[in-house]
Amino acid sequence: MAQIDNCFPFELTEQISRFGYMNHTNRAIALAWFAAFNAYHLEHLLNLYDHDAEHYSPKLKLRHPETHGLIKGKEAIRAWWQDAFDRLPTLKYEVISLTANDYRVFMEYRRLVAGEEDLQVGEVLEIRTNKIIASRVYHS
């Protein structure tokens, strides 16, 4: 776990440590997820996911209505995030809270994009054998 935690700026590690006990492996996966996302390290981000992972997002539903908000597989997830990184070069996520158990992590964070109103987001990562098998995003 220390190897994953070293991916983070000190401030984020300090912020996360105040949230108390939780499944440490899944906590580390969530922290690695934020570090990779905020650094736009697409391959590091995708390495956290199972090959057949699913991702649901209301923004996906808006941009690609034919998906009904759900995409399946790493290649579809890769295309979605690459598009987001290309369209939104200032996109960052700021952790508000994390709650983890043996099978999932609930992440609450603020979505920050220059020129857009901040958006509070809830996301659930379903995790099995140390890989994310599904992610679901919730916001208004």
Protein backbone atom coordinates (compact mmCIF):
# COMPACT_ATOMS: atom_id res chain seq x y z
CA MET A 1 0.00 0.00 0.00
CA ALA A 2 2.83 2.44 0.74
CA GLN A 3 3.89 2.25 -2.89
CA ILE A 4 0.44 3.41 -4.03
CA ASP A 5 0.17 6.12 -1.35
CA ASN A 6 3.46 7.62 -2.56
CA CYS A 7 1.69 8.56 -5.81
CA PHE A 8 -0.15 11.35 -4.00
CA PRO A 9 0.66 14.87 -3.04
CA PHE A 10 1.18 15.03 0.72
CA GLU A 11 -1.95 17.16 1.19
CA LEU A 12 -4.20 14.49 -0.36
CA THR A 13 -2.67 11.71 1.77
CA GLU A 14 -3.18 13.87 4.86
CA GLN A 15 -6.78 14.63 3.87
CA ILE A 16 -7.58 10.96 3.27
CA SER A 17 -6.01 9.82 6.57
CA ARG A 18 -8.57 11.75 8.59
CA PHE A 19 -11.44 9.61 7.25
CA GLY A 20 -10.66 6.75 9.66
CA TYR A 21 -10.68 2.96 9.31
CA MET A 22 -11.74 1.31 6.09
CA ASN A 23 -10.63 -1.57 3.90
CA HIS A 24 -7.05 -0.50 3.23
CA THR A 25 -6.64 -2.30 -0.09
CA ASN A 26 -9.76 -0.74 -1.54
CA ARG A 27 -8.82 2.63 -0.04
CA ALA A 28 -5.46 2.35 -1.82
CA ILE A 29 -7.24 1.55 -5.10
CA ALA A 30 -9.42 4.65 -4.68
CA LEU A 31 -6.39 6.82 -3.91
CA ALA A 32 -4.56 5.45 -6.94
CA TRP A 33 -7.68 6.15 -9.01
CA PHE A 34 -7.67 9.84 -8.00
CA ALA A 35 -3.91 10.18 -8.55
CA ALA A 36 -4.07 8.65 -12.03
CA PHE A 37 -7.19 10.59 -13.03
CA ASN A 38 -5.88 13.96 -11.87
CA ALA A 39 -2.54 13.34 -13.62
CA TYR A 40 -4.33 12.23 -16.83
CA HIS A 41 -2.40 8.94 -16.67
CA LEU A 42 -4.89 6.95 -18.68
CA GLU A 43 -2.92 3.68 -18.65
CA HIS A 44 -2.44 3.82 -14.85
CA LEU A 45 -6.14 4.49 -14.46
CA LEU A 46 -7.13 1.62 -16.75
CA ASN A 47 -4.75 -0.78 -14.97
CA LEU A 48 -7.03 -0.48 -11.93
CA TYR A 49 -9.94 -1.95 -13.91
CA ASP A 50 -10.92 -5.49 -14.85
CA HIS A 51 -10.89 -6.11 -18.62
CA ASP A 52 -14.71 -6.44 -18.67
CA ALA A 53 -15.46 -3.55 -16.29
CA GLU A 54 -18.58 -1.42 -16.70
CA HIS A 55 -18.92 2.32 -16.21
CA TYR A 56 -22.15 4.29 -15.76
CA SER A 57 -22.35 8.08 -15.81
CA PRO A 58 -25.11 10.66 -16.36
CA LYS A 59 -22.62 12.70 -18.43
CA LEU A 60 -22.07 9.67 -20.66
CA LYS A 61 -25.83 9.39 -21.08
CA LEU A 62 -25.99 13.06 -22.16
CA ARG A 63 -23.05 12.95 -24.60
CA HIS A 64 -23.84 9.49 -26.00
CA PRO A 65 -27.59 8.82 -25.49
CA GLU A 66 -27.38 5.51 -27.38
CA THR A 67 -25.38 4.05 -24.44
CA HIS A 68 -28.10 4.88 -21.89
CA GLY A 69 -25.15 5.98 -19.75
CA LEU A 70 -23.46 2.56 -19.61
CA ILE A 71 -20.28 1.41 -21.34
CA LYS A 72 -18.57 -1.97 -21.03
CA GLY A 73 -14.93 -2.99 -21.32
CA LYS A 74 -11.61 -1.20 -20.96
CA GLU A 75 -11.53 -0.01 -24.57
CA ALA A 76 -14.88 1.78 -24.21
CA ILE A 77 -13.74 3.27 -20.89
CA ARG A 78 -10.45 4.33 -22.50
CA ALA A 79 -12.28 6.15 -25.32
CA TRP A 80 -14.63 7.89 -22.87
CA TRP A 81 -11.87 9.19 -20.61
CA GLN A 82 -9.54 10.12 -23.45
CA ASP A 83 -12.35 12.21 -24.89
CA ALA A 84 -12.90 13.86 -21.48
CA PHE A 85 -9.18 14.59 -21.04
CA ASP A 86 -8.99 16.06 -24.55
CA ARG A 87 -12.14 18.20 -24.15
CA LEU A 88 -11.48 19.34 -20.58
CA PRO A 89 -7.77 20.04 -20.09
CA THR A 90 -8.37 21.58 -16.64
CA LEU A 91 -10.56 18.75 -15.29
CA LYS A 92 -9.59 17.74 -11.73
CA TYR A 93 -11.30 15.87 -8.90
CA GLU A 94 -11.00 17.03 -5.29
CA VAL A 95 -11.71 14.34 -2.68
CA ILE A 96 -14.36 15.15 -0.10
CA SER A 97 -14.74 11.72 1.51
CA LEU A 98 -14.09 8.02 0.99
CA THR A 99 -15.84 5.03 2.53
CA ALA A 100 -14.58 1.54 1.73
CA ASN A 101 -15.55 -1.99 2.63
CA ASP A 102 -14.46 -5.36 1.26
CA TYR A 103 -16.38 -5.00 -2.01
CA ARG A 104 -16.76 -1.33 -2.83
CA VAL A 105 -15.61 2.21 -2.29
CA PHE A 106 -17.96 5.18 -2.15
CA MET A 107 -16.11 8.30 -3.25
CA GLU A 108 -17.50 11.77 -2.80
CA TYR A 109 -15.60 14.43 -4.69
CA ARG A 110 -15.83 17.82 -6.32
CA ARG A 111 -15.46 18.01 -10.11
CA LEU A 112 -13.49 21.11 -11.03
CA VAL A 113 -13.25 22.51 -14.56
CA ALA A 114 -12.14 26.06 -15.35
CA GLY A 115 -15.09 28.10 -16.60
CA GLU A 116 -17.71 25.64 -15.27
CA GLU A 117 -19.60 25.52 -12.02
CA ASP A 118 -18.11 23.02 -9.55
CA LEU A 119 -20.09 19.79 -9.36
CA GLN A 120 -20.37 17.57 -6.31
CA VAL A 121 -20.19 13.91 -7.36
CA GLY A 122 -20.73 10.54 -5.72
CA GLU A 123 -19.12 7.50 -7.33
CA VAL A 124 -19.15 3.86 -6.36
CA LEU A 125 -16.33 1.53 -7.35
CA GLU A 126 -17.22 -2.17 -7.17
CA ILE A 127 -14.01 -4.12 -6.52
CA ARG A 128 -13.20 -7.84 -6.79
CA THR A 129 -9.74 -9.40 -6.56
CA ASN A 130 -8.18 -5.93 -6.40
CA LYS A 131 -9.69 -4.78 -9.71
CA ILE A 132 -12.58 -2.40 -10.34
CA ILE A 133 -15.35 -4.35 -12.02
CA ALA A 134 -17.89 -1.51 -12.14
CA SER A 135 -18.08 2.20 -11.49
CA ARG A 136 -21.26 4.24 -11.15
CA VAL A 137 -21.32 8.04 -11.05
CA TYR A 138 -24.13 10.03 -9.40
CA HIS A 139 -24.73 13.79 -9.55
CA SER A 140 -27.46 16.26 -10.30
